[in-house]
N, C-alpha and C. Protein backbone atom coordinates (compact mmCIF):
# COMPACT_ATOMS: atom_id res chain seq x y z
N MET A 1 80.66 111.47 100.34
CA MET A 1 80.56 112.90 100.06
C MET A 1 80.50 113.12 98.56
N THR A 2 79.46 113.80 98.08
CA THR A 2 79.30 114.09 96.66
C THR A 2 80.17 115.27 96.27
N ILE A 3 81.00 115.09 95.23
CA ILE A 3 81.90 116.16 94.85
C ILE A 3 82.33 115.99 93.39
N ILE A 4 82.59 117.10 92.73
CA ILE A 4 83.11 117.11 91.36
C ILE A 4 84.50 117.73 91.41
N ILE A 5 85.48 116.99 90.91
CA ILE A 5 86.87 117.43 90.98
C ILE A 5 87.40 117.70 89.57
N PHE A 6 87.99 118.87 89.38
CA PHE A 6 88.62 119.21 88.10
C PHE A 6 90.13 119.12 88.26
N THR A 7 90.78 118.36 87.37
CA THR A 7 92.21 118.13 87.50
C THR A 7 92.85 117.87 86.14
N LYS A 8 94.17 118.02 86.09
CA LYS A 8 94.92 117.66 84.88
C LYS A 8 95.32 116.19 84.91
N ASP A 9 95.50 115.68 86.11
CA ASP A 9 96.04 114.32 86.28
C ASP A 9 95.06 113.44 87.05
N PRO A 10 94.48 112.42 86.42
CA PRO A 10 93.52 111.56 87.11
C PRO A 10 94.16 110.45 87.92
N THR A 11 95.49 110.29 87.81
CA THR A 11 96.18 109.16 88.43
C THR A 11 95.85 108.96 89.91
N PRO A 12 95.86 110.02 90.73
CA PRO A 12 95.57 109.82 92.17
C PRO A 12 94.18 109.25 92.44
N PHE A 13 93.28 109.39 91.48
CA PHE A 13 91.90 108.94 91.69
C PHE A 13 91.62 107.57 91.08
N MET A 14 92.63 107.00 90.42
CA MET A 14 92.46 105.71 89.76
C MET A 14 92.82 104.57 90.71
N THR A 15 92.11 104.51 91.81
CA THR A 15 92.28 103.44 92.79
C THR A 15 90.91 102.87 93.13
N GLY A 16 90.87 101.63 93.56
CA GLY A 16 89.59 101.00 93.86
C GLY A 16 88.77 100.83 92.58
N ASP A 17 87.47 100.98 92.71
CA ASP A 17 86.60 100.87 91.54
C ASP A 17 86.46 102.23 90.85
N TYR A 18 86.80 102.29 89.58
CA TYR A 18 86.66 103.54 88.84
C TYR A 18 86.29 103.24 87.39
N LEU A 19 85.66 104.22 86.75
CA LEU A 19 85.23 104.08 85.37
C LEU A 19 85.70 105.30 84.59
N VAL A 20 86.41 105.06 83.48
CA VAL A 20 86.97 106.14 82.68
C VAL A 20 86.12 106.35 81.42
N MET A 21 85.79 107.59 81.15
CA MET A 21 85.03 107.95 79.95
C MET A 21 85.70 109.11 79.24
N HIS A 22 85.38 109.28 77.97
CA HIS A 22 85.98 110.34 77.17
C HIS A 22 84.90 111.14 76.46
N ARG A 23 85.06 112.46 76.49
CA ARG A 23 84.21 113.42 75.78
C ARG A 23 82.80 113.55 76.37
N THR A 24 82.09 112.45 76.56
CA THR A 24 80.73 112.53 77.10
C THR A 24 80.55 111.60 78.29
N LEU A 25 79.69 112.00 79.20
CA LEU A 25 79.39 111.19 80.39
C LEU A 25 78.30 110.19 80.00
N ASP A 26 78.73 109.05 79.46
CA ASP A 26 77.75 108.10 78.93
C ASP A 26 77.25 107.11 79.97
N THR A 27 77.79 107.19 81.19
CA THR A 27 77.29 106.36 82.28
C THR A 27 76.98 107.26 83.47
N ALA A 28 75.77 107.21 83.98
CA ALA A 28 75.39 108.07 85.11
C ALA A 28 76.20 107.73 86.35
N PRO A 29 76.75 108.74 87.03
CA PRO A 29 77.60 108.51 88.22
C PRO A 29 76.79 108.25 89.48
N THR A 30 76.09 107.15 89.48
CA THR A 30 75.14 106.88 90.57
C THR A 30 75.60 105.82 91.57
N GLN A 31 76.74 105.18 91.30
CA GLN A 31 77.22 104.14 92.21
C GLN A 31 78.04 104.77 93.34
N ALA A 32 77.70 104.44 94.58
CA ALA A 32 78.33 105.07 95.74
C ALA A 32 79.77 104.64 95.94
N ASN A 33 80.16 103.50 95.39
CA ASN A 33 81.53 102.99 95.61
C ASN A 33 82.40 103.10 94.36
N VAL A 34 81.97 103.90 93.38
CA VAL A 34 82.71 104.02 92.13
C VAL A 34 83.12 105.48 91.91
N THR A 35 84.38 105.67 91.46
CA THR A 35 84.85 106.98 91.04
C THR A 35 84.70 107.08 89.53
N TYR A 36 84.00 108.08 89.07
CA TYR A 36 83.77 108.27 87.63
C TYR A 36 84.74 109.32 87.12
N ILE A 37 85.47 108.98 86.05
CA ILE A 37 86.51 109.86 85.51
C ILE A 37 86.15 110.19 84.06
N LEU A 38 86.00 111.49 83.79
CA LEU A 38 85.63 111.93 82.45
C LEU A 38 86.70 112.86 81.88
N HIS A 39 87.23 112.52 80.71
CA HIS A 39 88.19 113.38 80.01
C HIS A 39 87.40 114.33 79.11
N SER A 40 87.35 115.60 79.48
CA SER A 40 86.58 116.56 78.69
C SER A 40 86.96 117.99 79.05
N ASP A 41 87.04 118.86 78.02
CA ASP A 41 87.27 120.28 78.24
C ASP A 41 85.96 121.07 78.15
N LYS A 42 84.84 120.35 78.04
CA LYS A 42 83.55 121.01 77.84
C LYS A 42 82.53 120.65 78.93
N PHE A 43 83.04 120.50 80.14
CA PHE A 43 82.16 120.21 81.28
C PHE A 43 82.09 121.49 82.11
N GLY A 44 81.01 122.26 81.90
CA GLY A 44 80.90 123.58 82.53
C GLY A 44 79.82 123.69 83.56
N VAL A 45 79.36 124.91 83.80
CA VAL A 45 78.39 125.20 84.85
C VAL A 45 77.09 124.42 84.64
N LYS A 46 76.60 124.41 83.41
CA LYS A 46 75.33 123.71 83.14
C LYS A 46 75.44 122.22 83.46
N GLU A 47 76.56 121.62 83.05
CA GLU A 47 76.76 120.19 83.30
C GLU A 47 76.90 119.91 84.79
N ILE A 48 77.58 120.79 85.49
CA ILE A 48 77.73 120.62 86.94
C ILE A 48 76.37 120.67 87.63
N GLU A 49 75.56 121.65 87.26
CA GLU A 49 74.24 121.79 87.86
C GLU A 49 73.35 120.58 87.54
N PHE A 50 73.49 120.05 86.33
CA PHE A 50 72.65 118.93 85.90
C PHE A 50 73.02 117.63 86.60
N TRP A 51 74.34 117.34 86.68
CA TRP A 51 74.78 116.03 87.18
C TRP A 51 74.98 115.97 88.69
N SER A 52 75.24 117.09 89.35
CA SER A 52 75.57 117.05 90.78
C SER A 52 74.49 116.40 91.66
N PRO A 53 73.21 116.54 91.36
CA PRO A 53 72.21 115.89 92.22
C PRO A 53 72.25 114.37 92.20
N VAL A 54 72.80 113.78 91.12
CA VAL A 54 72.76 112.31 91.03
C VAL A 54 74.09 111.65 91.40
N ILE A 55 75.15 112.45 91.57
CA ILE A 55 76.46 111.88 91.90
C ILE A 55 76.43 111.32 93.32
N GLN A 56 76.80 110.08 93.48
CA GLN A 56 76.77 109.42 94.78
C GLN A 56 78.15 109.35 95.44
N ASN A 57 79.20 109.55 94.67
CA ASN A 57 80.55 109.49 95.23
C ASN A 57 81.33 110.70 94.73
N ARG A 58 82.12 110.51 93.69
CA ARG A 58 82.85 111.64 93.13
C ARG A 58 82.97 111.48 91.62
N LEU A 59 82.95 112.62 90.96
CA LEU A 59 83.13 112.67 89.51
C LEU A 59 84.38 113.50 89.25
N VAL A 60 85.36 112.90 88.58
CA VAL A 60 86.62 113.57 88.29
C VAL A 60 86.63 114.00 86.83
N ILE A 61 86.77 115.30 86.60
CA ILE A 61 86.84 115.84 85.24
C ILE A 61 88.29 116.12 84.90
N VAL A 62 88.81 115.40 83.92
CA VAL A 62 90.20 115.59 83.49
C VAL A 62 90.19 116.61 82.36
N THR A 63 90.82 117.76 82.60
CA THR A 63 90.75 118.87 81.66
C THR A 63 92.03 119.69 81.68
N THR A 64 92.15 120.60 80.73
CA THR A 64 93.34 121.46 80.67
C THR A 64 93.04 122.88 81.13
N LYS A 65 91.78 123.13 81.48
CA LYS A 65 91.43 124.49 81.92
C LYS A 65 90.46 124.44 83.10
N ALA A 66 90.60 125.41 83.95
CA ALA A 66 89.73 125.47 85.14
C ALA A 66 88.34 125.93 84.74
N PRO A 67 87.30 125.42 85.40
CA PRO A 67 85.94 125.83 85.06
C PRO A 67 85.60 127.18 85.68
N LYS A 68 84.55 127.79 85.16
CA LYS A 68 84.02 129.00 85.77
C LYS A 68 83.21 128.57 86.99
N ILE A 69 83.50 129.17 88.13
CA ILE A 69 82.81 128.79 89.37
C ILE A 69 81.83 129.89 89.76
N THR A 70 80.57 129.54 89.87
CA THR A 70 79.53 130.48 90.31
C THR A 70 79.16 130.17 91.76
N LYS A 71 78.46 131.09 92.40
CA LYS A 71 78.05 130.89 93.79
C LYS A 71 77.17 129.66 93.94
N LYS A 72 76.39 129.36 92.90
CA LYS A 72 75.45 128.26 92.96
C LYS A 72 76.14 126.91 93.03
N ILE A 73 77.36 126.82 92.46
CA ILE A 73 78.03 125.52 92.38
C ILE A 73 79.32 125.44 93.19
N GLU A 74 79.72 126.54 93.83
CA GLU A 74 81.04 126.57 94.46
C GLU A 74 81.22 125.52 95.56
N ASP A 75 80.13 125.12 96.22
CA ASP A 75 80.22 124.12 97.28
C ASP A 75 80.25 122.69 96.74
N LYS A 76 80.08 122.55 95.43
CA LYS A 76 80.03 121.22 94.83
C LYS A 76 81.30 120.88 94.05
N VAL A 77 82.22 121.85 93.95
CA VAL A 77 83.37 121.70 93.05
C VAL A 77 84.69 121.94 93.77
N VAL A 78 85.69 121.13 93.44
CA VAL A 78 87.07 121.36 93.87
C VAL A 78 87.94 121.40 92.62
N VAL A 79 88.77 122.43 92.51
CA VAL A 79 89.63 122.59 91.34
C VAL A 79 91.08 122.39 91.74
N ASP A 80 91.75 121.47 91.05
CA ASP A 80 93.17 121.22 91.28
C ASP A 80 93.95 122.51 91.04
N ASP A 81 94.83 122.85 92.00
CA ASP A 81 95.60 124.09 91.88
C ASP A 81 96.46 124.14 90.62
N LYS A 82 96.81 123.00 90.08
CA LYS A 82 97.65 122.98 88.88
C LYS A 82 96.92 123.56 87.66
N LEU A 83 95.60 123.64 87.74
CA LEU A 83 94.82 124.24 86.66
C LEU A 83 94.77 125.75 86.76
N LEU A 84 95.19 126.27 87.90
CA LEU A 84 95.07 127.70 88.16
C LEU A 84 96.40 128.41 88.06
N ILE A 85 96.35 129.65 87.55
CA ILE A 85 97.51 130.52 87.61
C ILE A 85 97.58 131.06 89.03
N LYS A 86 98.76 131.06 89.60
CA LYS A 86 98.87 131.43 91.01
C LYS A 86 98.80 132.95 91.19
N THR A 87 97.62 133.44 91.46
CA THR A 87 97.42 134.85 91.77
C THR A 87 96.55 134.95 93.00
N LYS A 88 96.47 136.15 93.54
CA LYS A 88 95.64 136.36 94.73
C LYS A 88 94.18 136.03 94.43
N ASP A 89 93.73 136.38 93.21
CA ASP A 89 92.34 136.12 92.84
C ASP A 89 92.04 134.62 92.84
N ASN A 90 92.99 133.81 92.34
CA ASN A 90 92.76 132.37 92.30
C ASN A 90 92.69 131.77 93.70
N TYR A 91 93.44 132.33 94.63
CA TYR A 91 93.45 131.81 95.99
C TYR A 91 92.25 132.28 96.80
N PHE A 92 91.49 133.23 96.28
CA PHE A 92 90.35 133.76 97.03
C PHE A 92 89.35 132.67 97.35
N GLY A 93 89.16 131.72 96.43
CA GLY A 93 88.23 130.62 96.67
C GLY A 93 88.62 129.81 97.88
N SER A 94 89.92 129.57 98.05
CA SER A 94 90.39 128.82 99.21
C SER A 94 90.14 129.59 100.51
N VAL A 95 90.43 130.88 100.47
CA VAL A 95 90.22 131.71 101.66
C VAL A 95 88.73 131.78 102.00
N LYS A 96 87.91 131.92 100.97
CA LYS A 96 86.46 131.98 101.20
C LYS A 96 85.96 130.68 101.82
N SER A 97 86.49 129.55 101.34
CA SER A 97 86.07 128.27 101.91
C SER A 97 86.46 128.18 103.39
N LEU A 98 87.64 128.70 103.72
CA LEU A 98 88.10 128.69 105.11
C LEU A 98 87.14 129.45 106.03
N LEU A 99 86.60 130.55 105.52
CA LEU A 99 85.77 131.42 106.35
C LEU A 99 84.28 131.11 106.30
N THR A 100 83.84 130.35 105.27
CA THR A 100 82.39 130.19 105.11
C THR A 100 81.89 128.74 105.03
N TRP A 101 82.74 127.78 104.63
CA TRP A 101 82.25 126.41 104.45
C TRP A 101 82.08 125.71 105.79
N SER A 102 81.00 124.96 105.92
CA SER A 102 80.77 124.19 107.14
C SER A 102 81.48 122.84 107.13
N ASP A 103 81.75 122.30 105.93
CA ASP A 103 82.46 121.02 105.81
C ASP A 103 83.96 121.28 105.91
N ARG A 104 84.51 121.14 107.11
CA ARG A 104 85.91 121.51 107.35
C ARG A 104 86.89 120.53 106.73
N ASN A 105 86.46 119.29 106.47
CA ASN A 105 87.34 118.34 105.79
C ASN A 105 87.58 118.79 104.35
N ARG A 106 86.54 119.31 103.70
CA ARG A 106 86.71 119.86 102.35
C ARG A 106 87.60 121.10 102.39
N VAL A 107 87.43 121.91 103.42
CA VAL A 107 88.28 123.10 103.57
C VAL A 107 89.74 122.70 103.64
N SER A 108 90.03 121.65 104.39
CA SER A 108 91.40 121.17 104.53
C SER A 108 92.01 120.81 103.18
N LYS A 109 91.20 120.22 102.31
CA LYS A 109 91.72 119.81 100.99
C LYS A 109 92.06 121.00 100.11
N VAL A 110 91.24 122.04 100.13
CA VAL A 110 91.50 123.19 99.26
C VAL A 110 92.50 124.17 99.86
N MET A 111 92.76 124.04 101.16
CA MET A 111 93.67 124.95 101.84
C MET A 111 95.11 124.45 101.88
N HIS A 112 95.35 123.26 101.37
CA HIS A 112 96.63 122.60 101.64
C HIS A 112 97.85 123.37 101.15
N ASP A 113 97.72 124.20 100.09
CA ASP A 113 98.90 124.93 99.64
C ASP A 113 98.63 126.42 99.43
N THR A 114 97.54 126.92 100.02
CA THR A 114 97.28 128.35 99.95
C THR A 114 98.33 129.08 100.80
N PRO A 115 99.01 130.09 100.25
CA PRO A 115 100.07 130.78 101.00
C PRO A 115 99.56 131.34 102.33
N LEU A 116 100.21 130.96 103.41
CA LEU A 116 99.76 131.40 104.72
C LEU A 116 99.82 132.92 104.91
N PRO A 117 100.85 133.62 104.40
CA PRO A 117 100.85 135.08 104.56
C PRO A 117 99.62 135.72 103.93
N LEU A 118 99.17 135.17 102.79
CA LEU A 118 97.97 135.69 102.14
C LEU A 118 96.73 135.39 103.00
N VAL A 119 96.66 134.18 103.54
CA VAL A 119 95.53 133.80 104.40
C VAL A 119 95.46 134.73 105.61
N ILE A 120 96.59 134.95 106.25
CA ILE A 120 96.63 135.79 107.44
C ILE A 120 96.25 137.23 107.12
N ALA A 121 96.66 137.70 105.92
CA ALA A 121 96.28 139.05 105.50
C ALA A 121 94.76 139.18 105.39
N PHE A 122 94.11 138.14 104.88
CA PHE A 122 92.64 138.13 104.80
C PHE A 122 92.03 138.08 106.20
N LEU A 123 92.60 137.25 107.06
CA LEU A 123 92.05 137.10 108.41
C LEU A 123 92.08 138.42 109.18
N LYS A 124 93.11 139.22 108.95
CA LYS A 124 93.23 140.50 109.66
C LYS A 124 92.10 141.45 109.31
N GLU A 125 91.53 141.29 108.11
CA GLU A 125 90.46 142.18 107.67
C GLU A 125 89.07 141.65 108.00
N ASN A 126 89.01 140.42 108.50
CA ASN A 126 87.73 139.81 108.79
C ASN A 126 87.63 139.48 110.28
N ASP A 127 86.42 139.26 110.74
CA ASP A 127 86.15 139.10 112.18
C ASP A 127 86.53 137.70 112.65
N ILE A 128 87.74 137.57 113.18
CA ILE A 128 88.26 136.27 113.62
C ILE A 128 88.40 136.28 115.15
N ASP A 129 87.97 135.18 115.78
CA ASP A 129 88.02 135.08 117.23
C ASP A 129 89.45 135.26 117.75
N ILE A 130 89.58 135.96 118.88
CA ILE A 130 90.89 136.25 119.46
C ILE A 130 91.66 134.98 119.81
N GLU A 131 90.95 133.91 120.16
CA GLU A 131 91.61 132.66 120.52
C GLU A 131 92.34 132.05 119.33
N VAL A 132 91.80 132.28 118.14
CA VAL A 132 92.47 131.81 116.92
C VAL A 132 93.81 132.52 116.78
N TRP A 133 93.82 133.84 116.98
CA TRP A 133 95.07 134.60 116.87
C TRP A 133 96.08 134.16 117.92
N ARG A 134 95.62 133.90 119.10
CA ARG A 134 96.53 133.46 120.17
C ARG A 134 97.18 132.13 119.81
N SER A 135 96.39 131.25 119.20
CA SER A 135 96.93 129.95 118.79
C SER A 135 97.91 130.09 117.64
N ILE A 136 97.60 131.00 116.72
CA ILE A 136 98.50 131.23 115.58
C ILE A 136 99.87 131.67 116.06
N THR A 137 99.91 132.56 117.05
CA THR A 137 101.20 133.06 117.54
C THR A 137 102.05 131.95 118.15
N LYS A 138 101.40 130.87 118.58
CA LYS A 138 102.14 129.76 119.19
C LYS A 138 102.66 128.76 118.15
N THR A 139 102.11 128.81 116.94
CA THR A 139 102.50 127.81 115.93
C THR A 139 103.18 128.38 114.70
N HIS A 140 102.76 129.57 114.27
CA HIS A 140 103.14 130.07 112.94
C HIS A 140 104.65 130.14 112.72
N GLN A 141 105.37 130.66 113.68
CA GLN A 141 106.81 130.85 113.50
C GLN A 141 107.66 129.71 114.08
N PHE A 142 107.00 128.73 114.70
CA PHE A 142 107.77 127.73 115.43
C PHE A 142 107.57 126.30 114.93
N LEU A 143 106.43 126.03 114.29
CA LEU A 143 106.11 124.67 113.85
C LEU A 143 105.93 124.64 112.33
N PRO A 144 106.01 123.46 111.71
CA PRO A 144 105.75 123.36 110.27
C PRO A 144 104.36 123.93 109.92
N GLU A 145 104.24 124.42 108.69
CA GLU A 145 103.01 125.11 108.28
C GLU A 145 101.75 124.25 108.42
N LYS A 146 101.92 122.94 108.30
CA LYS A 146 100.73 122.08 108.33
C LYS A 146 99.96 122.22 109.64
N TYR A 147 100.67 122.54 110.73
CA TYR A 147 99.99 122.69 112.02
C TYR A 147 99.15 123.97 112.05
N THR A 148 99.69 125.04 111.47
CA THR A 148 98.92 126.28 111.40
C THR A 148 97.72 126.13 110.49
N ARG A 149 97.90 125.41 109.37
CA ARG A 149 96.77 125.17 108.45
C ARG A 149 95.67 124.38 109.15
N ALA A 150 96.06 123.35 109.89
CA ALA A 150 95.08 122.54 110.61
C ALA A 150 94.37 123.38 111.67
N LEU A 151 95.13 124.20 112.36
CA LEU A 151 94.56 125.06 113.40
C LEU A 151 93.51 126.00 112.80
N LEU A 152 93.86 126.66 111.68
CA LEU A 152 92.93 127.58 111.04
C LEU A 152 91.69 126.86 110.53
N THR A 153 91.91 125.68 109.95
CA THR A 153 90.80 124.92 109.37
C THR A 153 89.77 124.53 110.41
N TYR A 154 90.23 124.09 111.57
CA TYR A 154 89.30 123.52 112.55
C TYR A 154 88.96 124.44 113.72
N MET A 155 89.65 125.57 113.84
CA MET A 155 89.31 126.51 114.91
C MET A 155 88.38 127.63 114.45
N ILE A 156 88.50 128.02 113.18
CA ILE A 156 87.67 129.12 112.69
C ILE A 156 86.22 128.65 112.51
N GLU A 157 85.32 129.39 113.09
CA GLU A 157 83.89 129.09 112.95
C GLU A 157 83.39 129.70 111.64
N PRO A 158 82.86 128.87 110.72
CA PRO A 158 82.41 129.41 109.43
C PRO A 158 81.19 130.30 109.60
N LYS A 159 81.16 131.38 108.80
CA LYS A 159 80.03 132.31 108.81
C LYS A 159 79.67 132.66 107.38
N LYS A 160 78.38 132.74 107.11
CA LYS A 160 77.92 133.18 105.80
C LYS A 160 77.95 134.69 105.76
N THR A 161 79.06 135.23 105.32
CA THR A 161 79.24 136.67 105.34
C THR A 161 80.10 137.10 104.16
N ARG A 162 80.09 138.37 103.87
CA ARG A 162 80.90 138.92 102.79
C ARG A 162 82.36 139.00 103.22
N ILE A 163 83.25 138.48 102.39
CA ILE A 163 84.67 138.46 102.73
C ILE A 163 85.32 139.79 102.36
N LYS A 164 86.01 140.38 103.31
CA LYS A 164 86.72 141.64 103.07
C LYS A 164 88.13 141.36 102.57
N TRP A 165 88.54 142.07 101.54
CA TRP A 165 89.88 141.90 100.97
C TRP A 165 90.90 142.69 101.79
N PRO A 166 92.15 142.22 101.82
CA PRO A 166 93.21 142.97 102.52
C PRO A 166 93.38 144.35 101.88
N LYS A 167 93.62 145.33 102.71
CA LYS A 167 93.84 146.69 102.21
C LYS A 167 95.25 146.82 101.65
N LYS A 168 95.33 147.53 100.54
CA LYS A 168 96.64 147.77 99.95
C LYS A 168 97.42 148.76 100.81
N LYS A 169 98.69 148.43 101.03
CA LYS A 169 99.53 149.33 101.82
C LYS A 169 99.88 150.56 100.99
N SER A 170 99.69 151.73 101.59
CA SER A 170 100.04 152.95 100.87
C SER A 170 101.54 153.06 100.73
N LYS A 171 101.96 153.44 99.54
CA LYS A 171 103.38 153.51 99.25
C LYS A 171 103.98 154.74 99.94
N VAL A 172 104.99 154.51 100.73
CA VAL A 172 105.64 155.60 101.45
C VAL A 172 106.63 156.30 100.53
N LYS A 173 106.44 157.61 100.37
CA LYS A 173 107.33 158.37 99.50
C LYS A 173 108.68 158.57 100.18
N GLU A 174 109.73 158.35 99.39
CA GLU A 174 111.08 158.53 99.92
C GLU A 174 111.47 160.00 99.81
N ILE A 175 111.75 160.62 100.96
CA ILE A 175 112.12 162.04 100.97
C ILE A 175 113.62 162.16 100.72
N PRO A 176 114.04 162.94 99.72
CA PRO A 176 115.48 163.12 99.45
C PRO A 176 116.21 163.62 100.68
N SER A 177 117.45 163.22 100.85
CA SER A 177 118.23 163.58 102.04
C SER A 177 118.50 165.08 102.13
N LEU A 178 118.24 165.81 101.05
CA LEU A 178 118.40 167.26 101.06
C LEU A 178 117.41 167.92 102.01
N PHE A 179 116.31 167.22 102.30
CA PHE A 179 115.27 167.75 103.17
C PHE A 179 115.21 166.95 104.47
N LYS A 180 114.56 167.54 105.48
CA LYS A 180 114.33 166.83 106.73
C LYS A 180 113.24 165.77 106.53
N ASN A 181 113.32 164.70 107.32
CA ASN A 181 112.35 163.60 107.19
C ASN A 181 110.91 164.02 107.45
N ASP A 182 110.73 165.08 108.24
CA ASP A 182 109.37 165.53 108.58
C ASP A 182 108.93 166.74 107.76
N ASP A 183 109.68 167.04 106.70
CA ASP A 183 109.34 168.19 105.85
C ASP A 183 108.12 167.84 105.00
N GLU A 184 106.98 168.45 105.28
CA GLU A 184 105.74 168.14 104.57
C GLU A 184 105.61 168.90 103.24
N HIS A 185 106.51 169.85 103.01
CA HIS A 185 106.35 170.72 101.84
C HIS A 185 107.47 170.54 100.81
N TRP A 186 108.27 169.49 100.95
CA TRP A 186 109.42 169.34 100.07
C TRP A 186 109.03 169.21 98.61
N GLU A 187 107.92 168.55 98.33
CA GLU A 187 107.50 168.38 96.93
C GLU A 187 107.12 169.71 96.30
N ILE A 188 106.49 170.58 97.08
CA ILE A 188 106.12 171.90 96.58
C ILE A 188 107.37 172.72 96.28
N ILE A 189 108.35 172.60 97.17
CA ILE A 189 109.60 173.34 96.98
C ILE A 189 110.30 172.89 95.70
N VAL A 190 110.34 171.58 95.48
CA VAL A 190 110.99 171.05 94.28
C VAL A 190 110.23 171.50 93.04
N GLU A 191 108.91 171.51 93.13
CA GLU A 191 108.08 171.89 91.98
C GLU A 191 108.25 173.36 91.62
N LYS A 192 108.43 174.21 92.64
CA LYS A 192 108.49 175.65 92.40
C LYS A 192 109.90 176.15 92.16
N SER A 193 110.90 175.41 92.61
CA SER A 193 112.29 175.88 92.50
C SER A 193 113.08 175.02 91.52
N ILE A 194 113.43 175.61 90.37
CA ILE A 194 114.20 174.88 89.36
C ILE A 194 115.59 174.53 89.90
N SER A 195 116.19 175.44 90.67
CA SER A 195 117.55 175.21 91.19
C SER A 195 117.57 174.03 92.17
N VAL A 196 116.54 173.96 93.01
CA VAL A 196 116.47 172.83 93.95
C VAL A 196 116.27 171.53 93.20
N ALA A 197 115.41 171.55 92.21
CA ALA A 197 115.17 170.35 91.40
C ALA A 197 116.44 169.93 90.67
N ASN A 198 117.20 170.91 90.18
CA ASN A 198 118.45 170.58 89.49
C ASN A 198 119.46 169.96 90.45
N THR A 199 119.45 170.45 91.70
CA THR A 199 120.35 169.87 92.71
C THR A 199 120.03 168.39 92.94
N LEU A 200 118.74 168.10 93.01
CA LEU A 200 118.32 166.70 93.18
C LEU A 200 118.72 165.86 91.97
N ARG A 201 118.59 166.44 90.77
CA ARG A 201 118.98 165.72 89.56
C ARG A 201 120.48 165.39 89.58
N GLU A 202 121.28 166.36 90.01
CA GLU A 202 122.72 166.16 90.06
C GLU A 202 123.10 165.09 91.09
N ARG A 203 122.34 165.04 92.17
CA ARG A 203 122.62 164.06 93.24
C ARG A 203 122.05 162.67 92.90
N GLY A 204 121.21 162.60 91.87
CA GLY A 204 120.61 161.31 91.51
C GLY A 204 119.44 160.92 92.39
N ASP A 205 118.86 161.90 93.11
CA ASP A 205 117.72 161.63 93.98
C ASP A 205 116.43 161.51 93.16
N ALA A 206 115.47 160.81 93.71
CA ALA A 206 114.18 160.65 93.04
C ALA A 206 113.43 161.97 93.05
N LEU A 207 112.75 162.26 91.94
CA LEU A 207 111.97 163.48 91.82
C LEU A 207 110.49 163.17 91.96
N PRO A 208 109.72 164.12 92.47
CA PRO A 208 108.27 163.90 92.57
C PRO A 208 107.66 163.66 91.19
N LYS A 209 106.53 163.00 91.17
CA LYS A 209 105.83 162.71 89.92
C LYS A 209 105.48 164.01 89.21
N GLY A 210 105.76 164.06 87.90
CA GLY A 210 105.44 165.23 87.10
C GLY A 210 106.62 166.17 86.88
N ILE A 211 107.72 165.96 87.61
CA ILE A 211 108.91 166.79 87.45
C ILE A 211 109.83 166.16 86.40
N LYS A 212 110.27 166.96 85.44
CA LYS A 212 111.13 166.44 84.37
C LYS A 212 112.45 165.93 84.93
N LYS A 213 112.96 164.85 84.33
CA LYS A 213 114.20 164.25 84.82
C LYS A 213 115.44 164.99 84.32
N ARG A 214 115.31 165.65 83.17
CA ARG A 214 116.46 166.38 82.63
C ARG A 214 116.66 167.71 83.35
N LYS A 215 117.92 168.11 83.44
CA LYS A 215 118.26 169.36 84.10
C LYS A 215 117.65 170.54 83.34
N GLN A 216 117.05 171.49 84.07
CA GLN A 216 116.38 172.61 83.47
C GLN A 216 117.21 173.90 83.62
N VAL A 217 116.98 174.86 82.71
CA VAL A 217 117.67 176.15 82.78
C VAL A 217 116.94 177.01 83.79
N SER A 218 117.72 177.54 84.74
CA SER A 218 117.12 178.33 85.82
C SER A 218 117.32 179.81 85.58
N ASP A 219 116.25 180.59 85.81
CA ASP A 219 116.35 182.06 85.73
C ASP A 219 116.16 182.66 87.11
N GLU A 220 116.34 181.84 88.16
CA GLU A 220 116.17 182.33 89.52
C GLU A 220 117.38 183.15 89.92
N TRP A 221 117.18 184.14 90.81
CA TRP A 221 118.28 184.92 91.34
C TRP A 221 119.04 184.06 92.35
N VAL A 222 120.35 184.12 92.24
CA VAL A 222 121.21 183.35 93.14
C VAL A 222 121.50 184.18 94.37
C-alpha cells in the first residue's frame, strides 16, 4: 500500500529494510520492500503530489509540524496525531475517512484514538444504516472501546458525500426561581421593572443579557 506518513517519531517505522535521509529526498522511494524516512519540515503539498506516484511502499516524513491537507492528497497521507492540536477540527479528517474512504484498513489506523463521543455526534447528523446503530447499542457501554471502533470501521459503508457537522446545542436559559418555569415573559418583566431587577440582584440570581449588574434607583410606585 502506497502511503506518506507524517510523524515526530520515526522509531516505529525503523524495522526491516529502511533508508534514512535528511533535508532532501535524494533517493527515489521506488523499492517495494523498503521504508524511506526523510527528516524535513519542508515536505508539503507540491512534494506529496510529485512523489506519491512513484512510492512503492511507504515514505515517512519526520517533522515538527503537520502538513496542509488538500482534497487532492488526503487519500495519500496519514498524519500522526501527536503533530495535531486536539480539537474538533483536527479530528474531522478521521471522521471523514470513516464515512468516505473505501480502504477500511487505513480507516482503522486513523480512527484508533478519535474520541468516540465526537464520532457518534457526527454519525447522528449523517445517514447511517440502522443496523450500525443497533450494533453500537450492544457494544458502546459494555465492551472496551476498541470493539466499537472496529464495528464502526467495518460496518459503515463508505459514501462519497458531504459530511454534516453536529449541530450546536442551544443554551437553555436559567429562569430565576422568582418566576414560574414556564413563564415566557420573565425577561421582559425584568427589563421593564427596576424593582424586580433589583430583587434579582439582591438574591444573586442571573440577569438577562443587557441588564446592569449594579442595583438601580427605582422611581416606580410601590
